[in-house]
Protein backbone atom coordinates (compact mmCIF):
# COMPACT_ATOMS: atom_id res chain seq x y z
CA MET A 1 38.16 24.29 12.39
CA LYS A 2 36.67 26.78 14.68
CA ARG A 3 33.17 25.53 13.39
CA PHE A 4 34.14 21.73 14.02
CA LEU A 5 35.21 22.73 17.59
CA VAL A 6 31.98 24.62 18.02
CA LEU A 7 30.18 21.29 16.78
CA LEU A 8 32.20 19.19 18.62
CA THR A 9 31.13 21.01 22.26
CA ALA A 10 27.51 20.83 20.86
CA ILE A 11 27.86 17.23 20.37
CA ALA A 12 29.24 16.94 23.68
CA VAL A 13 26.70 18.52 25.42
CA MET A 14 23.95 16.70 23.88
CA LEU A 15 25.76 12.77 24.80
CA CYS A 16 25.49 14.70 28.63
CA GLY A 17 21.94 14.31 28.39
CA CYS A 18 21.90 18.58 28.24
CA THR A 19 19.01 20.25 26.27
CA LEU A 20 18.62 23.64 25.08
CA HIS A 21 15.28 24.20 27.03
CA ASP A 22 14.35 22.95 30.41
CA GLY A 23 11.16 20.53 30.36
CA THR A 24 8.37 20.25 27.60
CA ASP A 25 5.59 22.71 27.11
CA LYS A 26 2.66 20.76 26.34
CA GLU A 27 0.83 23.91 25.02
CA THR A 28 -0.82 22.99 22.00
CA GLY A 29 -2.39 26.25 20.76
CA THR A 30 -6.12 24.63 21.72
CA ASP A 31 -7.79 23.24 24.98
CA GLN A 32 -5.43 20.15 25.55
CA LYS A 33 -8.48 17.86 26.03
CA THR A 34 -9.56 18.72 22.38
CA GLU A 35 -8.82 15.98 19.94
CA MET A 36 -6.26 16.43 17.26
CA ARG A 37 -8.41 16.89 14.10
CA GLY A 38 -5.61 17.94 11.35
CA ILE A 39 -5.08 17.59 7.95
CA TRP A 40 -2.04 18.31 6.12
CA ILE A 41 -2.15 20.76 2.81
CA SER A 42 0.95 20.53 0.85
CA CYS A 43 2.75 23.21 -1.75
CA TYR A 44 1.13 21.26 -3.87
CA ASP A 45 -2.17 21.55 -2.80
CA LEU A 46 -2.14 25.61 -2.86
CA GLN A 47 -3.24 27.79 -5.24
CA PHE A 48 -1.25 30.93 -5.32
CA SER A 49 -2.35 33.88 -7.94
CA ASP A 50 -2.94 37.86 -7.21
CA GLU A 51 -3.23 39.18 -3.39
CA GLU A 52 -7.38 39.93 -3.82
CA ARG A 53 -7.89 35.96 -5.57
CA PHE A 54 -5.51 34.80 -2.91
CA LYS A 55 -7.33 35.99 -0.11
CA ASN A 56 -10.49 34.62 -1.58
CA TYR A 57 -8.92 31.36 -2.48
CA ALA A 58 -7.91 31.22 0.89
CA ASN A 59 -11.36 32.09 2.82
CA THR A 60 -12.61 29.04 0.81
CA LEU A 61 -10.03 26.82 1.15
CA PHE A 62 -10.26 26.94 5.44
CA ALA A 63 -13.83 27.03 5.44
CA ASP A 64 -13.94 23.83 3.40
CA ILE A 65 -11.81 22.44 5.89
CA ARG A 66 -13.40 23.59 8.81
CA SER A 67 -16.76 22.02 7.37
CA TYR A 68 -15.45 18.41 7.90
CA GLY A 69 -14.58 19.31 11.49
CA PHE A 70 -10.63 19.70 11.31
CA ASN A 71 -9.31 21.87 13.92
CA THR A 72 -5.93 22.29 12.93
CA VAL A 73 -4.29 22.87 9.46
CA PHE A 74 -0.43 21.87 8.66
CA VAL A 75 0.46 24.42 5.89
CA HIS A 76 3.63 24.24 3.91
CA VAL A 77 5.21 27.42 3.95
CA ARG A 78 8.97 26.47 3.41
CA PRO A 79 9.21 23.41 1.22
CA PHE A 80 12.67 23.94 -0.65
CA ALA A 81 14.66 26.36 1.48
CA ASP A 82 12.64 28.74 0.01
CA ALA A 83 9.53 31.04 1.80
CA PHE A 84 5.95 31.49 1.07
CA TYR A 85 6.08 34.53 3.47
CA ARG A 86 8.26 37.53 3.46
CA SER A 87 11.77 36.23 4.89
CA GLU A 88 14.94 37.86 5.18
CA ILE A 89 16.85 34.67 5.16
CA PHE A 90 15.21 32.57 2.11
CA PRO A 91 14.15 33.56 -1.29
CA TRP A 92 10.31 33.78 -2.00
CA SER A 93 9.60 30.35 -3.38
CA SER A 94 8.81 29.44 -7.22
CA PHE A 95 5.55 28.20 -6.50
CA LEU A 96 4.31 31.86 -5.89
CA THR A 97 5.14 32.97 -9.44
CA GLY A 98 7.25 30.20 -11.70
CA THR A 99 10.41 31.90 -10.62
CA GLN A 100 12.42 31.59 -7.37
CA GLY A 101 13.44 35.24 -5.73
CA LYS A 102 10.79 37.26 -7.23
CA ASP A 103 8.55 39.14 -5.23
CA PRO A 104 4.63 38.06 -5.77
CA GLY A 105 4.00 41.52 -4.21
CA TYR A 106 2.15 40.41 -0.94
CA ASP A 107 3.17 38.05 1.63
CA PRO A 108 0.98 34.92 1.70
CA LEU A 109 1.39 33.92 4.97
CA PRO A 110 -0.63 36.70 6.88
CA ILE A 111 -3.85 35.98 4.33
CA LEU A 112 -3.32 32.02 4.91
CA LEU A 113 -3.17 32.77 9.20
CA GLN A 114 -6.01 35.08 8.95
CA ALA A 115 -8.29 33.17 7.25
CA ALA A 116 -7.49 30.14 9.06
CA HIS A 117 -7.80 31.86 12.55
CA GLU A 118 -11.29 32.99 11.23
CA GLN A 119 -12.35 29.86 11.02
CA GLN A 120 -11.49 28.54 14.67
CA LEU A 121 -8.41 26.92 13.06
CA SER A 122 -4.77 26.32 14.81
CA PHE A 123 -1.97 26.65 12.28
CA HIS A 124 0.86 25.02 11.99
CA ALA A 125 3.85 26.29 9.84
CA TRP A 126 5.31 23.03 7.64
CA ILE A 127 8.87 23.43 6.76
CA ASN A 128 11.17 20.99 4.99
CA PRO A 129 14.47 22.09 6.77
CA LEU A 130 17.31 19.77 4.60
CA ARG A 131 15.32 19.82 1.06
CA ILE A 132 16.71 22.48 -1.26
CA ALA A 133 15.75 21.50 -4.83
CA SER A 134 14.37 18.19 -6.40
CA ASP A 135 17.05 18.91 -8.89
CA THR A 136 20.43 19.95 -9.26
CA ASP A 137 20.22 22.82 -12.24
CA LEU A 138 21.58 25.78 -10.18
CA ASP A 139 19.94 28.31 -12.68
CA LYS A 140 16.84 27.48 -11.17
CA LEU A 141 17.82 29.12 -7.64
CA SER A 142 17.57 32.49 -7.14
CA SER A 143 20.75 34.64 -6.67
CA ASP A 144 19.73 35.22 -3.10
CA ASN A 145 19.42 31.43 -1.96
CA PRO A 146 22.19 30.75 0.42
CA ALA A 147 22.18 27.52 -1.22
CA LYS A 148 23.66 29.21 -4.23
CA GLN A 149 25.55 31.49 -2.68
CA TYR A 150 27.43 28.42 -0.97
CA LEU A 151 27.92 26.75 -4.05
CA THR A 152 29.26 29.68 -6.53
CA ASP A 153 30.93 32.25 -4.29
CA GLU A 154 34.35 30.69 -4.91
CA ASN A 155 35.17 29.91 -1.09
CA PRO A 156 36.21 26.40 -0.71
CA ASP A 157 35.12 26.25 2.92
CA ASN A 158 31.30 25.86 2.40
CA ASP A 159 31.60 23.66 -0.79
CA THR A 160 30.41 21.11 1.55
CA TRP A 161 27.52 22.72 2.85
CA VAL A 162 25.39 21.69 0.26
CA ARG A 163 24.98 18.18 -1.03
CA GLU A 164 23.75 16.29 -3.86
CA SER A 165 22.08 13.04 -3.44
CA GLY A 166 19.64 11.03 -5.80
CA GLY A 167 19.75 13.83 -8.24
CA ALA A 168 18.91 16.54 -6.09
CA LEU A 169 20.16 19.59 -3.24
CA TYR A 170 20.18 19.04 0.46
CA TYR A 171 21.73 21.21 3.14
CA ASN A 172 24.56 19.53 5.26
CA PRO A 173 22.94 19.14 8.76
CA THR A 174 26.81 18.22 10.13
CA VAL A 175 27.78 21.74 9.60
CA PHE A 176 27.21 24.48 12.23
CA ASP A 177 26.62 27.26 10.04
CA VAL A 178 23.82 25.38 8.25
CA GLN A 179 22.36 24.07 11.52
CA LYS A 180 22.26 28.09 12.57
CA LEU A 181 20.67 29.10 9.28
CA ILE A 182 17.90 26.91 9.70
CA ILE A 183 17.26 27.32 13.36
CA ASP A 184 17.31 31.56 12.23
CA GLY A 185 14.50 30.93 9.69
CA VAL A 186 12.26 28.92 12.67
CA ARG A 187 12.98 31.87 14.74
CA GLU A 188 11.83 34.16 11.86
CA ILE A 189 8.59 32.83 11.46
CA VAL A 190 7.73 32.82 14.96
CA ALA A 191 9.02 35.95 15.91
CA ASN A 192 7.10 37.94 13.22
CA TYR A 193 3.70 35.61 12.40
CA ALA A 194 1.29 34.60 15.03
CA VAL A 195 1.75 30.69 14.04
CA ASP A 196 0.44 28.19 16.64
CA GLY A 197 3.05 25.65 15.80
CA ILE A 198 6.17 24.90 14.14
CA HIS A 199 6.09 21.34 11.96
CA MET A 200 8.46 19.21 10.11
CA ASP A 201 7.92 16.24 8.33
CA ASP A 202 10.57 13.18 7.69
CA TYR A 203 13.17 14.87 5.29
CA PHE A 204 16.08 14.39 7.45
CA TYR A 205 19.34 12.57 5.69
CA PRO A 206 18.57 11.91 2.07
CA THR A 207 20.97 8.45 2.42
CA THR A 208 23.66 6.47 3.82
CA ALA A 209 26.56 6.96 1.80
CA ALA A 210 29.49 8.01 3.65
CA ASP A 211 30.88 10.38 1.43
CA PHE A 212 27.61 12.56 1.84
CA ASP A 213 29.42 14.40 5.08
CA SER A 214 32.61 12.98 4.91
CA THR A 215 34.86 16.03 5.28
CA GLU A 216 33.04 16.75 8.31
CA TYR A 217 33.28 13.65 9.52
CA GLU A 218 36.78 13.18 9.10
CA ALA A 219 37.50 16.76 10.45
CA TYR A 220 35.49 15.61 13.89
CA CYS A 221 37.49 12.48 14.17
CA LYS A 222 40.28 14.42 14.19
CA THR A 223 39.33 16.38 17.40
CA THR A 224 38.97 13.34 19.46
CA GLN A 225 40.39 10.35 20.56
CA ASN A 226 37.32 8.41 20.94
CA PRO A 227 34.98 9.39 17.96
CA LEU A 228 31.87 8.54 17.42
CA SER A 229 30.53 6.40 14.96
CA LEU A 230 29.17 7.76 11.62
CA SER A 231 25.90 6.88 12.47
CA ASP A 232 26.03 8.33 15.84
CA PHE A 233 27.76 11.32 14.73
CA ARG A 234 24.95 12.02 12.13
CA ARG A 235 22.13 10.94 14.65
CA THR A 236 23.85 13.60 17.06
CA CYS A 237 23.98 16.18 14.98
CA ILE A 238 20.21 15.57 13.89
CA ASP A 239 18.92 16.10 17.75
CA GLN A 240 21.00 19.24 17.86
CA LEU A 241 19.43 20.63 15.07
CA VAL A 242 16.16 19.35 16.14
CA SER A 243 16.71 20.82 19.93
CA GLY A 244 18.16 24.06 18.40
CA ILE A 245 14.64 24.70 16.59
CA TYR A 246 13.12 23.82 19.77
CA ALA A 247 14.61 26.30 21.52
CA ALA A 248 14.60 28.88 19.45
CA VAL A 249 10.69 28.22 19.02
CA LYS A 250 10.43 28.56 23.15
CA ALA A 251 12.72 31.52 23.34
CA GLU A 252 9.86 33.37 21.00
CA ASN A 253 6.55 31.90 22.09
CA GLN A 254 6.21 29.57 24.78
CA ASN A 255 3.00 28.87 23.50
CA CYS A 256 3.82 27.86 20.22
CA ILE A 257 4.63 24.62 19.88
CA PHE A 258 7.28 21.93 17.78
CA GLY A 259 6.38 18.88 16.48
CA ILE A 260 7.61 16.03 13.80
CA SER A 261 6.21 13.66 11.54
CA PRO A 262 8.57 11.01 11.20
CA GLN A 263 8.26 7.79 8.84
CA ALA A 264 6.32 5.30 10.70
CA LYS A 265 9.30 2.55 10.80
CA VAL A 266 11.13 3.42 13.81
CA GLY A 267 14.81 1.41 12.96
CA TYR A 268 14.35 3.12 9.56
CA ASN A 269 14.17 6.52 11.36
CA LYS A 270 17.36 5.77 13.64
CA ASN A 271 19.32 4.05 10.85
CA THR A 272 18.75 5.35 7.56
CA LEU A 273 17.29 8.83 8.19
CA TYR A 274 19.90 9.27 11.23
CA ALA A 275 16.45 10.45 13.22
CA ASP A 276 16.57 9.28 16.92
CA VAL A 277 13.10 9.50 17.39
CA GLU A 278 12.86 7.55 20.77
CA LYS A 279 15.03 9.61 22.07
CA TRP A 280 12.79 12.76 21.10
CA CYS A 281 9.62 11.10 22.56
CA ALA A 282 11.66 9.94 25.77
CA GLY A 283 13.43 13.22 26.66
CA SER A 284 12.29 16.49 26.73
CA GLY A 285 13.58 19.60 24.77
CA PHE A 286 13.23 18.21 21.35
CA VAL A 287 9.44 18.11 20.57
CA ASP A 288 6.08 18.58 21.71
CA TYR A 289 4.45 16.14 19.87
CA ILE A 290 5.45 13.65 17.40
CA ALA A 291 3.12 12.28 14.55
CA PRO A 292 4.53 9.15 13.02
CA GLN A 293 3.08 9.03 9.42
CA ILE A 294 1.34 5.22 10.01
CA TYR A 295 0.36 4.90 5.70
CA TYR A 296 -0.68 1.02 6.20
CA GLY A 297 -3.79 -0.45 6.53
CA PHE A 298 -5.46 -3.01 8.88
CA GLU A 299 -4.35 -6.20 6.76
CA TYR A 300 -1.07 -4.95 5.70
CA THR A 301 1.51 -7.93 6.23
CA LYS A 302 5.03 -6.78 5.46
CA LYS A 303 7.47 -6.05 8.11
CA SER A 304 10.21 -3.22 7.99
CA ASP A 305 13.95 -4.24 7.61
CA GLU A 306 14.12 -4.81 11.23
CA GLY A 307 10.98 -6.61 11.82
CA GLU A 308 8.83 -3.99 13.02
CA SER A 309 4.99 -5.08 12.29
CA LEU A 310 4.11 -2.35 10.12
CA GLN A 311 0.32 -3.04 10.49
CA PHE A 312 -1.89 -0.20 11.63
CA GLU A 313 -2.94 -1.53 14.68
CA ASP A 314 0.23 -2.67 15.86
CA CYS A 315 2.43 0.36 14.59
CA ALA A 316 -0.18 2.60 16.35
CA ARG A 317 0.58 0.63 19.96
CA THR A 318 4.53 0.94 19.21
CA TRP A 319 4.32 4.58 18.89
CA ALA A 320 2.12 4.59 21.83
CA ALA A 321 4.69 2.99 24.14
CA LEU A 322 7.28 5.42 23.01
CA ALA A 323 5.36 8.62 23.32
CA ASP A 324 4.09 7.30 26.80
CA GLY A 325 2.71 10.49 27.74
CA ASN A 326 6.15 12.46 27.94
CA ILE A 327 5.09 14.15 24.98
CA ASP A 328 1.38 14.03 22.42
CA LEU A 329 0.93 11.59 20.45
CA TYR A 330 -0.89 12.10 16.76
CA LEU A 331 -1.04 9.25 14.26
CA GLY A 332 -0.55 10.54 10.79
CA LEU A 333 -3.33 8.65 8.17
CA GLY A 334 -2.44 8.28 4.50
CA LEU A 335 -5.63 9.27 2.55
CA TYR A 336 -3.97 9.30 -0.52
CA ARG A 337 -4.21 5.49 -0.15
CA SER A 338 -7.38 5.20 -0.28
CA GLY A 339 -8.79 4.05 -3.75
CA GLU A 340 -5.12 2.27 -5.06
CA SER A 341 -2.78 -0.53 -4.89
CA VAL A 342 -0.13 -0.52 -1.93
CA GLU A 343 2.86 -1.91 -3.74
CA ASN A 344 4.68 -4.63 -1.58
CA GLY A 345 1.40 -4.76 0.44
CA GLY A 346 1.25 -8.51 0.75
CA ALA A 347 -1.96 -9.27 1.98
CA GLY A 348 -3.45 -5.94 2.49
CA ALA A 349 -2.04 -4.51 -1.17
CA GLU A 350 -5.82 -4.13 -2.49
CA GLU A 351 -7.36 -3.03 1.35
CA TRP A 352 -7.53 0.72 0.15
CA ILE A 353 -9.54 -0.87 -3.03
CA GLU A 354 -11.57 -2.99 -1.40
CA HIS A 355 -13.09 -0.87 1.63
CA THR A 356 -14.13 2.81 1.68
CA ASP A 357 -13.53 3.02 5.36
CA VAL A 358 -10.25 2.20 6.49
CA ILE A 359 -9.66 5.98 7.48
CA LYS A 360 -12.58 6.13 9.32
CA ARG A 361 -12.05 2.60 11.45
CA GLN A 362 -8.28 4.00 11.96
CA VAL A 363 -9.72 7.13 13.49
CA GLU A 364 -11.69 5.06 15.55
CA PHE A 365 -9.19 2.80 16.84
CA ALA A 366 -7.13 5.90 17.70
CA ARG A 367 -10.06 7.12 19.82
CA THR A 368 -9.23 3.86 22.03
CA VAL A 369 -5.58 4.70 22.50
CA GLU A 370 -5.03 6.63 25.79
CA GLU A 371 -1.69 7.96 24.75
CA CYS A 372 -3.21 9.14 21.37
CA GLY A 373 -4.51 12.86 20.82
CA GLY A 374 -5.88 12.79 17.71
CA CYS A 375 -5.12 12.19 14.18
CA ILE A 376 -3.83 14.20 10.75
CA VAL A 377 -4.64 13.17 7.60
CA PHE A 378 -2.54 13.51 4.50
CA SER A 379 -3.87 15.59 2.72
CA TYR A 380 -5.90 18.42 1.58
CA SER A 381 -6.27 17.28 -1.73
CA SER A 382 -7.61 13.92 -1.48
CA LEU A 383 -10.71 14.98 0.56
CA SER A 384 -11.76 15.52 -3.45
CA GLY A 385 -10.02 12.57 -5.13
CA ASN A 386 -10.83 9.55 -6.27
CA ASP A 387 -14.50 7.62 -5.16
CA ASN A 388 -12.70 6.25 -2.38
CA GLN A 389 -11.18 9.46 -0.95
CA LYS A 390 -14.37 11.01 -1.25
CA ALA A 391 -16.29 8.06 0.70
CA GLU A 392 -13.34 8.13 3.65
CA ALA A 393 -14.17 12.03 3.49
CA LYS A 394 -17.38 11.31 4.11
CA HIS A 395 -16.82 9.66 6.93
CA LEU A 396 -14.35 11.86 8.42
CA LYS A 397 -17.14 14.40 8.18
CA GLU A 398 -19.45 12.22 10.11
CA LEU A 399 -16.71 11.31 12.68
CA TYR A 400 -15.75 15.02 13.21
CA THR A 401 -19.11 16.74 13.04
CA GLU A 402 -21.46 14.65 14.95
C-alpha cells in the first residue's frame, strides 16, 4: 500500500501541472541551426562479434553513415530490458552472445560512441523501457534479469510488476518500483557514457485490456473518493515515467537531450498506448523533441480511427501545430516502406513501388515546415535494401551532401 500512496502522490503532482524539472533544455548536442539528418540503427541492424572485429565493424558502420551526410544516429542500446553496455541494473543482451546475461568480454557502447563521435555524429542511446521479451519463455531470461526475479522469487507482492500481453512480456508502468527501475537505468547510461541523447520509440501500453493493471488500479481507487478513469490513470502513469526520465537525464547532464518517437496517429497514442503526446508537446519537463513516425506517403487516403488524416503533408502539419515551437520537431520517415505495397493503404497502396523519390520529397517538404528541424530515417539496413530503397538512399545522399 505504501507504493500505491507514493504513486498517488506523484499523480496528484502531475495533475497540478507540476513537473520534475523547470523549463525545457533545448541543447541538441550540435548547433541548433543544423538540420537534423538522423537515422535509426536497430538491434537487428547491429552485428556483434569479438571486440577487435566489432571495433572494425563500428568504424565502418559510422563512416558509411557519415558518407550519406547524416549527422545523428539513434542506436539501440536496450531493446528488450537488457543491455548492449555494462550495467548494474539490466543483464547483457542475448544479441551479443546468443545468451542473455553472458558477458561478451568487452563493452560495446564505448566502442560505438567513439566510432560515431570520430565521424562527427551525435549519438542518441535508444531504449525500449517497457518491453521485456517477445515471448513468455522465462528460460530465455538471465537469472539476473529483474523481470525474471519478480516472477520467480515467490513474493506475491511483485507478481503483477511484469505482465503478459499478446504472447510477450512487458513491465507494468503503474508500479512505482518499475518506474524507478527504468528511470535508474536511464540515469546509469547518462552518468557512465558520453551519449548526446536518450531516445525512446512508441512502445508504451501494449494493450487496452483492463486486466493488464487491474490490481494497481483497484488499489489506487481505494485511496481516493474521486478516482481517475482507468484511461486517465494510465496516461498519468506514463506521464510520470516520461517526466521522471527527463528529470534523470537533466540531473546527470544538462546538455544531454531526451526525445520520443511516437506513432504518427495522435489519437491512437492517447487512447490506445496511453501516451499523451499533446501534453508532452505543450508543456516543459517531458521531452526536448518529438519525432513522430510518419510512415505514410503523399497518396495515403485512409484516416485513423479518430478521423485524423494520415496523408504525409497533413500529418506533418498536425505535428507541427502540436510542437508549435515549444519543443523541437523531427519527422520520422519510413525508408523501409520503399519498394513495398502498403496494406490497407487505399489509393496510395502502391505509391512506394511506383515512385523512388517519396523519401526525397518528404525531406524537401519538411524543409518548408517552419516548426520542423529535420528528419530521422528508419532504418540503416534499408539504405542497402531493395532497388527502390537504394534509389531513395542515393537521393538522401544528394540532399545531405550538396
